[in-house]
N, C-alpha and C. Protein backbone atom coordinates (compact mmCIF):
# COMPACT_ATOMS: atom_id res chain seq x y z
N MET A 1 0.85 -1.17 0.00
CA MET A 1 0.00 0.00 0.00
C MET A 1 0.90 1.23 0.00
N THR A 2 0.61 2.15 -0.85
CA THR A 2 1.46 3.32 -1.01
C THR A 2 0.69 4.58 -0.63
N ALA A 3 1.27 5.36 0.25
CA ALA A 3 0.66 6.64 0.60
C ALA A 3 1.02 7.66 -0.47
N PRO A 4 0.19 8.68 -0.63
CA PRO A 4 0.48 9.66 -1.68
C PRO A 4 1.68 10.54 -1.39
N HIS A 5 2.09 10.63 -0.12
CA HIS A 5 3.18 11.54 0.24
C HIS A 5 4.28 10.78 0.95
N LEU A 6 5.10 10.07 0.19
CA LEU A 6 6.24 9.36 0.76
C LEU A 6 7.48 10.23 0.66
N SER A 7 8.36 10.08 1.62
CA SER A 7 9.62 10.80 1.56
C SER A 7 10.52 10.14 0.51
N LEU A 8 11.54 10.84 0.10
CA LEU A 8 12.48 10.27 -0.87
C LEU A 8 13.18 9.05 -0.31
N ALA A 9 13.47 9.06 0.98
CA ALA A 9 14.11 7.91 1.61
C ALA A 9 13.18 6.69 1.58
N GLN A 10 11.90 6.90 1.81
CA GLN A 10 10.95 5.79 1.77
C GLN A 10 10.81 5.22 0.36
N ILE A 11 10.78 6.09 -0.63
CA ILE A 11 10.71 5.62 -2.02
C ILE A 11 11.95 4.83 -2.37
N ARG A 12 13.11 5.36 -2.00
CA ARG A 12 14.38 4.67 -2.27
C ARG A 12 14.41 3.30 -1.59
N ASN A 13 13.96 3.22 -0.34
CA ASN A 13 13.94 1.95 0.38
C ASN A 13 13.01 0.95 -0.27
N ARG A 14 11.88 1.40 -0.75
CA ARG A 14 10.94 0.48 -1.42
C ARG A 14 11.51 -0.01 -2.75
N LEU A 15 12.20 0.86 -3.46
CA LEU A 15 12.86 0.43 -4.70
C LEU A 15 13.92 -0.63 -4.41
N ILE A 16 14.68 -0.44 -3.34
CA ILE A 16 15.72 -1.40 -2.98
C ILE A 16 15.10 -2.74 -2.60
N LEU A 17 14.04 -2.72 -1.81
CA LEU A 17 13.38 -3.97 -1.42
C LEU A 17 12.81 -4.71 -2.62
N THR A 18 12.23 -3.96 -3.55
CA THR A 18 11.68 -4.58 -4.76
C THR A 18 12.78 -5.17 -5.63
N ALA A 19 13.87 -4.45 -5.78
CA ALA A 19 14.99 -4.95 -6.59
C ALA A 19 15.58 -6.21 -5.97
N ARG A 20 15.70 -6.24 -4.65
CA ARG A 20 16.22 -7.44 -3.99
C ARG A 20 15.29 -8.63 -4.19
N ALA A 21 13.99 -8.40 -4.12
CA ALA A 21 13.02 -9.49 -4.35
C ALA A 21 13.12 -10.01 -5.78
N VAL A 22 13.30 -9.11 -6.72
CA VAL A 22 13.45 -9.52 -8.13
C VAL A 22 14.71 -10.37 -8.29
N LEU A 23 15.80 -9.95 -7.66
CA LEU A 23 17.05 -10.71 -7.78
C LEU A 23 16.93 -12.09 -7.14
N ARG A 24 16.16 -12.19 -6.05
CA ARG A 24 15.95 -13.52 -5.46
C ARG A 24 15.16 -14.42 -6.40
N ALA A 25 14.16 -13.87 -7.06
CA ALA A 25 13.34 -14.67 -7.97
C ALA A 25 14.07 -15.04 -9.25
N HIS A 26 14.91 -14.15 -9.74
CA HIS A 26 15.59 -14.34 -11.02
C HIS A 26 17.04 -14.79 -10.84
N ARG A 27 17.27 -15.66 -9.88
CA ARG A 27 18.62 -16.22 -9.69
C ARG A 27 18.95 -17.14 -10.85
N THR A 28 20.22 -17.37 -11.04
CA THR A 28 20.63 -18.27 -12.11
C THR A 28 20.74 -19.70 -11.60
N ASP A 29 20.42 -20.62 -12.47
CA ASP A 29 20.59 -22.05 -12.19
C ASP A 29 22.07 -22.40 -12.26
N PRO A 30 22.43 -23.60 -11.86
CA PRO A 30 23.82 -24.02 -12.02
C PRO A 30 24.30 -23.99 -13.48
N ASN A 31 23.37 -24.10 -14.42
CA ASN A 31 23.76 -24.04 -15.83
C ASN A 31 23.87 -22.61 -16.36
N GLY A 32 23.63 -21.60 -15.49
CA GLY A 32 23.80 -20.21 -15.88
C GLY A 32 22.57 -19.54 -16.46
N HIS A 33 21.41 -20.19 -16.43
CA HIS A 33 20.19 -19.61 -16.97
C HIS A 33 19.29 -19.13 -15.84
N CYS A 34 18.52 -18.08 -16.10
CA CYS A 34 17.58 -17.54 -15.14
C CYS A 34 16.49 -18.58 -14.87
N ARG A 35 16.09 -18.69 -13.62
CA ARG A 35 15.07 -19.68 -13.26
C ARG A 35 13.68 -19.30 -13.75
N VAL A 36 13.44 -18.02 -13.95
CA VAL A 36 12.13 -17.56 -14.40
C VAL A 36 12.09 -17.39 -15.91
N CYS A 37 13.06 -16.66 -16.44
CA CYS A 37 13.09 -16.33 -17.87
C CYS A 37 13.67 -17.44 -18.74
N ARG A 38 14.48 -18.29 -18.14
CA ARG A 38 15.13 -19.39 -18.85
C ARG A 38 16.10 -18.92 -19.94
N VAL A 39 16.73 -17.77 -19.73
CA VAL A 39 17.73 -17.25 -20.66
C VAL A 39 19.03 -17.02 -19.90
N ALA A 40 20.13 -16.99 -20.63
CA ALA A 40 21.43 -16.83 -19.99
C ALA A 40 21.63 -15.40 -19.47
N ASP A 41 21.23 -14.40 -20.22
CA ASP A 41 21.38 -13.01 -19.81
C ASP A 41 20.02 -12.42 -19.48
N CYS A 42 19.61 -12.56 -18.24
CA CYS A 42 18.28 -12.10 -17.81
C CYS A 42 18.27 -10.58 -17.73
N ARG A 43 17.42 -9.96 -18.54
CA ARG A 43 17.34 -8.50 -18.57
C ARG A 43 16.67 -7.96 -17.31
N VAL A 44 15.81 -8.76 -16.70
CA VAL A 44 15.11 -8.32 -15.49
C VAL A 44 16.08 -8.21 -14.33
N SER A 45 16.93 -9.22 -14.15
CA SER A 45 17.90 -9.16 -13.06
C SER A 45 18.96 -8.07 -13.33
N ALA A 46 19.28 -7.84 -14.58
CA ALA A 46 20.21 -6.76 -14.91
C ALA A 46 19.60 -5.40 -14.53
N ALA A 47 18.32 -5.23 -14.78
CA ALA A 47 17.64 -3.98 -14.41
C ALA A 47 17.59 -3.83 -12.90
N ALA A 48 17.36 -4.92 -12.18
CA ALA A 48 17.34 -4.85 -10.72
C ALA A 48 18.71 -4.48 -10.16
N ARG A 49 19.76 -5.02 -10.76
CA ARG A 49 21.12 -4.64 -10.33
C ARG A 49 21.39 -3.17 -10.62
N ASP A 50 20.88 -2.67 -11.73
CA ASP A 50 21.04 -1.25 -12.05
C ASP A 50 20.32 -0.36 -11.03
N VAL A 51 19.14 -0.80 -10.59
CA VAL A 51 18.41 -0.04 -9.56
C VAL A 51 19.21 0.00 -8.27
N LEU A 52 19.78 -1.14 -7.87
CA LEU A 52 20.58 -1.18 -6.65
C LEU A 52 21.83 -0.31 -6.77
N ASP A 53 22.45 -0.33 -7.93
CA ASP A 53 23.63 0.52 -8.13
C ASP A 53 23.27 2.00 -8.08
N ALA A 54 22.12 2.35 -8.67
CA ALA A 54 21.68 3.75 -8.64
C ALA A 54 21.32 4.17 -7.22
N ALA A 55 20.71 3.28 -6.46
CA ALA A 55 20.37 3.61 -5.08
C ALA A 55 21.63 3.77 -4.24
N ALA A 56 22.64 2.98 -4.50
CA ALA A 56 23.90 3.09 -3.77
C ALA A 56 24.60 4.39 -4.11
N ALA A 57 24.44 4.87 -5.31
CA ALA A 57 25.08 6.12 -5.72
C ALA A 57 24.43 7.34 -5.06
N CYS A 58 23.24 7.17 -4.51
CA CYS A 58 22.50 8.29 -3.91
C CYS A 58 22.62 8.33 -2.40
N LEU A 59 23.59 7.65 -1.83
CA LEU A 59 23.74 7.62 -0.38
C LEU A 59 24.37 8.91 0.13
N PRO A 60 23.96 9.33 1.31
CA PRO A 60 24.62 10.48 1.92
C PRO A 60 26.05 10.13 2.32
N PRO A 61 26.94 11.09 2.44
CA PRO A 61 28.32 10.80 2.81
C PRO A 61 28.41 10.12 4.17
N GLY A 62 29.31 9.17 4.27
CA GLY A 62 29.53 8.47 5.53
C GLY A 62 28.72 7.20 5.69
N LYS A 63 27.78 6.94 4.82
CA LYS A 63 26.99 5.73 4.89
C LYS A 63 27.45 4.77 3.83
N SER A 64 27.36 3.48 4.14
CA SER A 64 27.76 2.47 3.15
C SER A 64 26.57 1.59 2.83
N TYR A 65 26.58 1.03 1.66
CA TYR A 65 25.51 0.16 1.20
C TYR A 65 26.11 -1.14 0.74
N HIS A 66 25.61 -2.23 1.25
CA HIS A 66 26.09 -3.54 0.86
C HIS A 66 24.96 -4.29 0.17
N ARG A 67 25.23 -4.67 -1.08
CA ARG A 67 24.23 -5.41 -1.85
C ARG A 67 24.10 -6.80 -1.27
N ALA A 68 22.87 -7.25 -1.07
CA ALA A 68 22.62 -8.58 -0.51
C ALA A 68 22.63 -9.64 -1.56
């Protein structure tokens, strides 16, 4: 459920949580293919990694972000 007036930090946190959930679902099999898409280069997981990288680039100084 989304309120109409979320802070930027709340929006960023929800994007991070969603990207992490996507990465959990679109993990690669031992043969290197996505479990959902069944392709070697899953565009969905690549987009989720891009979201996490963009969120990490927007951190305030002194804070660190570790991708799960």
